PDB file of N, CA and C in Angstrom:
ATOM      1  N   MET A   1     -98.213  61.751 -35.139  1.00  0.00           N
ATOM      2  CA  MET A   1     -98.831  60.809 -35.322  1.00  0.00           C
ATOM      3  C   MET A   1    -100.443  61.969 -35.255  1.00  0.00           C
ATOM      4  N   THR A   2    -101.120  61.843 -36.840  1.00  0.00           N
ATOM      5  CA  THR A   2    -102.207  62.727 -36.825  1.00  0.00           C
ATOM      6  C   THR A   2    -102.813  62.926 -35.903  1.00  0.00           C
ATOM      7  N   THR A   3    -103.918  63.513 -35.945  1.00  0.00           N
ATOM      8  CA  THR A   3    -105.401  63.642 -35.056  1.00  0.00           C
ATOM      9  C   THR A   3    -106.432  64.233 -35.700  1.00  0.00           C
ATOM     10  N   PRO A   4    -107.514  63.279 -35.256  1.00  0.00           N
ATOM     11  CA  PRO A   4    -108.668  63.927 -36.615  1.00  0.00           C
ATOM     12  C   PRO A   4    -108.836  65.391 -35.637  1.00  0.00           C
ATOM     13  N   ALA A   5    -108.390  66.318 -34.824  1.00  0.00           N
ATOM     14  CA  ALA A   5    -108.234  67.481 -34.859  1.00  0.00           C
ATOM     15  C   ALA A   5    -107.344  68.357 -35.909  1.00  0.00           C
ATOM     16  N   ASP A   6    -106.934  67.671 -36.117  1.00  0.00           N
ATOM     17  CA  ASP A   6    -105.308  68.007 -36.872  1.00  0.00           C
ATOM     18  C   ASP A   6    -106.056  68.041 -38.718  1.00  0.00           C
ATOM     19  N   VAL A   7    -106.435  66.759 -39.005  1.00  0.00           N
ATOM     20  CA  VAL A   7    -107.597  66.668 -39.667  1.00  0.00           C
ATOM     21  C   VAL A   7    -108.586  67.706 -40.220  1.00  0.00           C
ATOM     22  N   ALA A   8    -109.288  67.948 -39.750  1.00  0.00           N
ATOM     23  CA  ALA A   8    -110.707  68.957 -39.164  1.00  0.00           C
ATOM     24  C   ALA A   8    -109.530  70.291 -38.869  1.00  0.00           C
ATOM     25  N   ARG A   9    -108.957  70.159 -38.656  1.00  0.00           N
ATOM     26  CA  ARG A   9    -108.645  71.764 -39.005  1.00  0.00           C
ATOM     27  C   ARG A   9    -107.868  72.011 -40.626  1.00  0.00           C
ATOM     28  N   LEU A  10    -106.866  71.093 -40.970  1.00  0.00           N
ATOM     29  CA  LEU A  10    -106.735  71.429 -42.550  1.00  0.00           C
ATOM     30  C   LEU A  10    -107.832  71.286 -43.323  1.00  0.00           C
ATOM     31  N   ALA A  11    -109.120  70.685 -43.429  1.00  0.00           N
ATOM     32  CA  ALA A  11    -109.861  70.521 -44.077  1.00  0.00           C
ATOM     33  C   ALA A  11    -110.872  71.546 -44.084  1.00  0.00           C
ATOM     34  N   TYR A  12    -110.348  72.622 -43.025  1.00  0.00           N
ATOM     35  CA  TYR A  12    -111.229  73.764 -42.561  1.00  0.00           C
ATOM     36  C   TYR A  12    -110.472  75.052 -43.217  1.00  0.00           C
ATOM     37  N   GLY A  13    -109.157  74.737 -43.894  1.00  0.00           N
ATOM     38  CA  GLY A  13    -108.721  75.967 -44.077  1.00  0.00           C
ATOM     39  C   GLY A  13    -108.921  76.168 -45.153  1.00  0.00           C
ATOM     40  N   LEU A  14    -109.787  75.148 -45.934  1.00  0.00           N
ATOM     41  CA  LEU A  14    -110.171  75.233 -47.755  1.00  0.00           C
ATOM     42  C   LEU A  14    -111.363  75.625 -47.807  1.00  0.00           C
ATOM     43  N   ARG A  15    -111.932  76.833 -49.053  1.00  0.00           N
ATOM     44  CA  ARG A  15    -112.838  77.029 -48.874  1.00  0.00           C
ATOM     45  C   ARG A  15    -114.130  75.901 -49.277  1.00  0.00           C
ATOM     46  N   PHE A  16    -115.570  76.197 -49.163  1.00  0.00           N
ATOM     47  CA  PHE A  16    -116.625  75.989 -48.788  1.00  0.00           C
ATOM     48  C   PHE A  16    -116.311  73.931 -48.652  1.00  0.00           C
ATOM     49  N   VAL A  17    -115.893  73.838 -47.441  1.00  0.00           N
ATOM     50  CA  VAL A  17    -116.132  72.001 -47.113  1.00  0.00           C
ATOM     51  C   VAL A  17    -117.302  72.499 -46.104  1.00  0.00           C
ATOM     52  N   VAL A  18    -117.746  71.386 -46.269  1.00  0.00           N
ATOM     53  CA  VAL A  18    -118.936  70.877 -44.978  1.00  0.00           C
ATOM     54  C   VAL A  18    -118.106  68.740 -44.504  1.00  0.00           C
ATOM     55  N   THR A  19    -118.974  68.624 -43.364  1.00  0.00           N
ATOM     56  CA  THR A  19    -119.006  68.032 -42.880  1.00  0.00           C
ATOM     57  C   THR A  19    -119.870  67.066 -43.629  1.00  0.00           C
ATOM     58  N   THR A  20    -119.183  65.601 -42.965  1.00  0.00           N
ATOM     59  CA  THR A  20    -120.653  64.365 -44.194  1.00  0.00           C
ATOM     60  C   THR A  20    -120.975  64.040 -42.838  1.00  0.00           C
ATOM     61  N   ASP A  21    -121.986  63.005 -43.242  1.00  0.00           N
ATOM     62  CA  ASP A  21    -122.203  61.578 -42.043  1.00  0.00           C
ATOM     63  C   ASP A  21    -120.983  60.630 -41.780  1.00  0.00           C
ATOM     64  N   GLY A  22    -120.930  60.707 -40.651  1.00  0.00           N
ATOM     65  CA  GLY A  22    -119.560  59.529 -40.924  1.00  0.00           C
ATOM     66  C   GLY A  22    -119.118  60.020 -39.642  1.00  0.00           C
ATOM     67  N   GLU A  23    -117.987  58.766 -38.656  1.00  0.00           N
ATOM     68  CA  GLU A  23    -117.103  59.344 -37.826  1.00  0.00           C
ATOM     69  C   GLU A  23    -115.932  60.437 -38.933  1.00  0.00           C
ATOM     70  N   LEU A  24    -115.689  60.658 -39.553  1.00  0.00           N
ATOM     71  CA  LEU A  24    -114.512  61.318 -39.848  1.00  0.00           C
ATOM     72  C   LEU A  24    -115.022  62.005 -41.179  1.00  0.00           C
ATOM     73  N   GLY A  25    -115.175  63.030 -41.733  1.00  0.00           N
ATOM     74  CA  GLY A  25    -115.579  62.899 -43.410  1.00  0.00           C
ATOM     75  C   GLY A  25    -115.654  64.115 -43.540  1.00  0.00           C
ATOM     76  N   PHE A  26    -114.964  64.607 -44.817  1.00  0.00           N
ATOM     77  CA  PHE A  26    -115.428  66.143 -45.442  1.00  0.00           C
ATOM     78  C   PHE A  26    -115.424  65.788 -46.183  1.00  0.00           C
ATOM     79  N   ALA A  27    -116.195  67.590 -47.512  1.00  0.00           N
ATOM     80  CA  ALA A  27    -116.572  67.419 -48.967  1.00  0.00           C
ATOM     81  C   ALA A  27    -116.648  68.546 -49.143  1.00  0.00           C
ATOM     82  N   VAL A  28    -116.704  69.069 -50.488  1.00  0.00           N
ATOM     83  CA  VAL A  28    -116.715  69.928 -51.039  1.00  0.00           C
ATOM     84  C   VAL A  28    -117.595  70.170 -51.860  1.00  0.00           C
ATOM     85  N   HIS A  29    -118.478  71.522 -52.358  1.00  0.00           N
ATOM     86  CA  HIS A  29    -119.357  71.343 -53.542  1.00  0.00           C
ATOM     87  C   HIS A  29    -118.474  71.732 -54.944  1.00  0.00           C
ATOM     88  N   HIS A  30    -119.552  70.564 -55.778  1.00  0.00           N
ATOM     89  CA  HIS A  30    -118.808  70.288 -56.834  1.00  0.00           C
ATOM     90  C   HIS A  30    -120.229  71.216 -58.093  1.00  0.00           C
ATOM     91  N   GLY A  31    -120.190  71.776 -58.170  1.00  0.00           N
ATOM     92  CA  GLY A  31    -121.569  72.167 -59.126  1.00  0.00           C
ATOM     93  C   GLY A  31    -122.887  71.576 -58.722  1.00  0.00           C
ATOM     94  N   SER A  32    -123.223  71.020 -59.302  1.00  0.00           N
ATOM     95  CA  SER A  32    -124.747  70.645 -58.050  1.00  0.00           C
ATOM     96  C   SER A  32    -124.407  69.521 -56.702  1.00  0.00           C
ATOM     97  N   ARG A  33    -123.360  68.858 -56.837  1.00  0.00           N
ATOM     98  CA  ARG A  33    -123.357  67.372 -56.185  1.00  0.00           C
ATOM     99  C   ARG A  33    -121.818  67.875 -55.008  1.00  0.00           C
ATOM    100  N   THR A  34    -122.337  67.513 -53.780  1.00  0.00           N
ATOM    101  CA  THR A  34    -120.986  67.300 -52.950  1.00  0.00           C
ATOM    102  C   THR A  34    -119.836  66.209 -53.278  1.00  0.00           C
ATOM    103  N   ARG A  35    -118.813  66.352 -53.300  1.00  0.00           N
ATOM    104  CA  ARG A  35    -118.217  65.145 -53.282  1.00  0.00           C
ATOM    105  C   ARG A  35    -117.289  65.608 -52.274  1.00  0.00           C
ATOM    106  N   GLY A  36    -116.766  64.405 -51.495  1.00  0.00           N
ATOM    107  CA  GLY A  36    -116.272  63.828 -50.400  1.00  0.00           C
ATOM    108  C   GLY A  36    -114.484  64.159 -50.917  1.00  0.00           C
ATOM    109  N   ILE A  37    -113.616  64.803 -50.470  1.00  0.00           N
ATOM    110  CA  ILE A  37    -111.795  64.908 -50.201  1.00  0.00           C
ATOM    111  C   ILE A  37    -111.551  64.051 -49.490  1.00  0.00           C
ATOM    112  N   CYS A  38    -112.435  63.753 -48.056  1.00  0.00           N
ATOM    113  CA  CYS A  38    -111.942  62.919 -47.346  1.00  0.00           C
ATOM    114  C   CYS A  38    -112.531  62.036 -46.296  1.00  0.00           C
ATOM    115  N   TRP A  39    -112.152  60.778 -45.818  1.00  0.00           N
ATOM    116  CA  TRP A  39    -113.322  60.230 -45.011  1.00  0.00           C
ATOM    117  C   TRP A  39    -112.167  58.807 -44.243  1.00  0.00           C
ATOM    118  N   SER A  40    -112.770  58.239 -43.098  1.00  0.00           N
ATOM    119  CA  SER A  40    -112.414  57.441 -42.558  1.00  0.00           C
ATOM    120  C   SER A  40    -112.747  56.385 -43.580  1.00  0.00           C
ATOM    121  N   ARG A  41    -111.695  55.051 -43.158  1.00  0.00           N
ATOM    122  CA  ARG A  41    -111.626  54.256 -43.668  1.00  0.00           C
ATOM    123  C   ARG A  41    -113.204  53.454 -43.293  1.00  0.00           C
ATOM    124  N   LYS A  42    -113.855  52.177 -43.826  1.00  0.00           N
ATOM    125  CA  LYS A  42    -114.896  51.493 -43.578  1.00  0.00           C
ATOM    126  C   LYS A  42    -114.287  50.224 -43.451  1.00  0.00           C
ATOM    127  N   GLU A  43    -114.058  49.631 -42.221  1.00  0.00           N
ATOM    128  CA  GLU A  43    -113.551  48.129 -41.733  1.00  0.00           C
ATOM    129  C   GLU A  43    -114.815  47.284 -41.656  1.00  0.00           C
ATOM    130  N   ARG A  44    -114.987  46.184 -42.194  1.00  0.00           N
ATOM    131  CA  ARG A  44    -116.041  45.213 -41.764  1.00  0.00           C
ATOM    132  C   ARG A  44    -115.253  44.426 -40.512  1.00  0.00           C
ATOM    133  N   ILE A  45    -115.816  44.276 -39.186  1.00  0.00           N
ATOM    134  CA  ILE A  45    -114.906  43.598 -38.283  1.00  0.00           C
ATOM    135  C   ILE A  45    -115.494  42.110 -38.011  1.00  0.00           C
ATOM    136  N   GLU A  46    -116.858  41.702 -38.286  1.00  0.00           N
ATOM    137  CA  GLU A  46    -117.489  40.783 -38.349  1.00  0.00           C
ATOM    138  C   GLU A  46    -118.155  40.242 -39.464  1.00  0.00           C
ATOM    139  N   PRO A  47    -117.740  39.591 -40.249  1.00  0.00           N
ATOM    140  CA  PRO A  47    -118.485  38.581 -41.867  1.00  0.00           C
ATOM    141  C   PRO A  47    -119.868  38.673 -41.201  1.00  0.00           C
ATOM    142  N   GLY A  48    -120.573  39.477 -42.371  1.00  0.00           N
ATOM    143  CA  GLY A  48    -121.720  39.447 -42.562  1.00  0.00           C
ATOM    144  C   GLY A  48    -122.885  40.685 -42.155  1.00  0.00           C
ATOM    145  N   ARG A  49    -122.007  41.888 -41.221  1.00  0.00           N
ATOM    146  CA  ARG A  49    -122.225  42.763 -40.238  1.00  0.00           C
ATOM    147  C   ARG A  49    -121.995  44.380 -40.858  1.00  0.00           C
ATOM    148  N   HIS A  50    -122.431  45.597 -40.613  1.00  0.00           N
ATOM    149  CA  HIS A  50    -121.816  46.359 -41.705  1.00  0.00           C
ATOM    150  C   HIS A  50    -120.688  46.979 -41.050  1.00  0.00           C
ATOM    151  N   ARG A  51    -120.084  47.999 -41.728  1.00  0.00           N
ATOM    152  CA  ARG A  51    -118.946  47.869 -41.861  1.00  0.00           C
ATOM    153  C   ARG A  51    -118.685  49.600 -40.788  1.00  0.00           C
ATOM    154  N   VAL A  52    -118.032  49.743 -40.017  1.00  0.00           N
ATOM    155  CA  VAL A  52    -117.053  50.665 -39.316  1.00  0.00           C
ATOM    156  C   VAL A  52    -115.936  51.297 -39.472  1.00  0.00           C
ATOM    157  N   ALA A  53    -116.291  52.559 -39.038  1.00  0.00           N
ATOM    158  CA  ALA A  53    -114.944  53.499 -39.286  1.00  0.00           C
ATOM    159  C   ALA A  53    -113.846  53.099 -38.497  1.00  0.00           C
ATOM    160  N   THR A  54    -112.982  53.234 -39.380  1.00  0.00           N
ATOM    161  CA  THR A  54    -111.199  53.097 -38.786  1.00  0.00           C
ATOM    162  C   THR A  54    -111.258  54.357 -38.672  1.00  0.00           C
ATOM    163  N   LEU A  55    -110.603  55.230 -37.314  1.00  0.00           N
ATOM    164  CA  LEU A  55    -109.932  56.151 -37.753  1.00  0.00           C
ATOM    165  C   LEU A  55    -108.897  56.019 -37.794  1.00  0.00           C
ATOM    166  N   GLY A  56    -107.789  55.284 -37.869  1.00  0.00           N
ATOM    167  CA  GLY A  56    -106.790  55.203 -37.915  1.00  0.00           C
ATOM    168  C   GLY A  56    -106.101  54.937 -39.345  1.00  0.00           C
ATOM    169  N   VAL A  57    -106.898  54.928 -40.277  1.00  0.00           N
ATOM    170  CA  VAL A  57    -106.674  55.192 -41.600  1.00  0.00           C
ATOM    171  C   VAL A  57    -108.394  56.163 -42.289  1.00  0.00           C
ATOM    172  N   LEU A  58    -106.864  57.290 -43.218  1.00  0.00           N
ATOM    173  CA  LEU A  58    -108.126  58.288 -43.610  1.00  0.00           C
ATOM    174  C   LEU A  58    -107.725  58.284 -44.914  1.00  0.00           C
ATOM    175  N   ALA A  59    -109.043  57.974 -45.798  1.00  0.00           N
ATOM    176  CA  ALA A  59    -108.560  58.047 -47.354  1.00  0.00           C
ATOM    177  C   ALA A  59    -108.916  59.269 -47.760  1.00  0.00           C
ATOM    178  N   VAL A  60    -108.289  59.856 -48.838  1.00  0.00           N
ATOM    179  CA  VAL A  60    -107.805  61.413 -49.503  1.00  0.00           C
ATOM    180  C   VAL A  60    -108.283  61.657 -50.897  1.00  0.00           C
ATOM    181  N   ARG A  61    -109.162  62.138 -50.980  1.00  0.00           N
ATOM    182  CA  ARG A  61    -108.931  62.312 -53.189  1.00  0.00           C
ATOM    183  C   ARG A  61    -108.075  63.148 -53.764  1.00  0.00           C
ATOM    184  N   GLU A  62    -107.371  62.884 -54.267  1.00  0.00           N
ATOM    185  CA  GLU A  62    -106.416  63.445 -54.854  1.00  0.00           C
ATOM    186  C   GLU A  62    -106.873  64.272 -56.185  1.00  0.00           C
ATOM    187  N   CYS A  63    -106.495  65.505 -56.254  1.00  0.00           N
ATOM    188  CA  CYS A  63    -107.043  66.203 -56.986  1.00  0.00           C
ATOM    189  C   CYS A  63    -106.474  65.541 -58.986  1.00  0.00           C
ATOM    190  N   GLY A  64    -107.427  65.574 -60.120  1.00  0.00           N
ATOM    191  CA  GLY A  64    -107.257  65.490 -61.330  1.00  0.00           C
ATOM    192  C   GLY A  64    -107.149  63.871 -61.246  1.00  0.00           C
ATOM    193  N   ARG A  65    -107.592  62.363 -60.341  1.00  0.00           N
ATOM    194  CA  ARG A  65    -107.146  61.658 -60.377  1.00  0.00           C
ATOM    195  C   ARG A  65    -108.848  60.703 -60.676  1.00  0.00           C
ATOM    196  N   GLY A  66    -109.361  60.456 -61.694  1.00  0.00           N
ATOM    197  CA  GLY A  66    -110.060  59.236 -60.946  1.00  0.00           C
ATOM    198  C   GLY A  66    -111.287  60.441 -62.284  1.00  0.00           C
ATOM    199  N   GLY A  67    -111.532  60.921 -63.056  1.00  0.00           N
ATOM    200  CA  GLY A  67    -112.378  61.963 -63.519  1.00  0.00           C
ATOM    201  C   GLY A  67    -112.548  62.882 -62.698  1.00  0.00           C
ATOM    202  N   THR A  68    -111.942  63.138 -61.691  1.00  0.00           N
ATOM    203  CA  THR A  68    -111.960  64.490 -60.641  1.00  0.00           C
ATOM    204  C   THR A  68    -111.412  66.003 -61.609  1.00  0.00           C
ATOM    205  N   PRO A  69    -111.895  66.826 -61.576  1.00  0.00           N
ATOM    206  CA  PRO A  69    -111.317  68.067 -61.588  1.00  0.00           C
ATOM    207  C   PRO A  69    -110.315  68.228 -59.910  1.00  0.00           C
TER     208      PRO A  69
END
């Protein structure tokens, strides 16, 4: 099972990676913007309340999909 420390170690192995606001998230600079490369899934626990980070699920952006170079 991968831990948040493993994810951080892999992310920081890439160049230009910065942490994002939130529980677990990393981004890279893309031109003048910062693009998220991975982040923890946010889940709504109670209807009508804010979403909270679920550390058991990690979303990862795939290069070349959805208009991202």
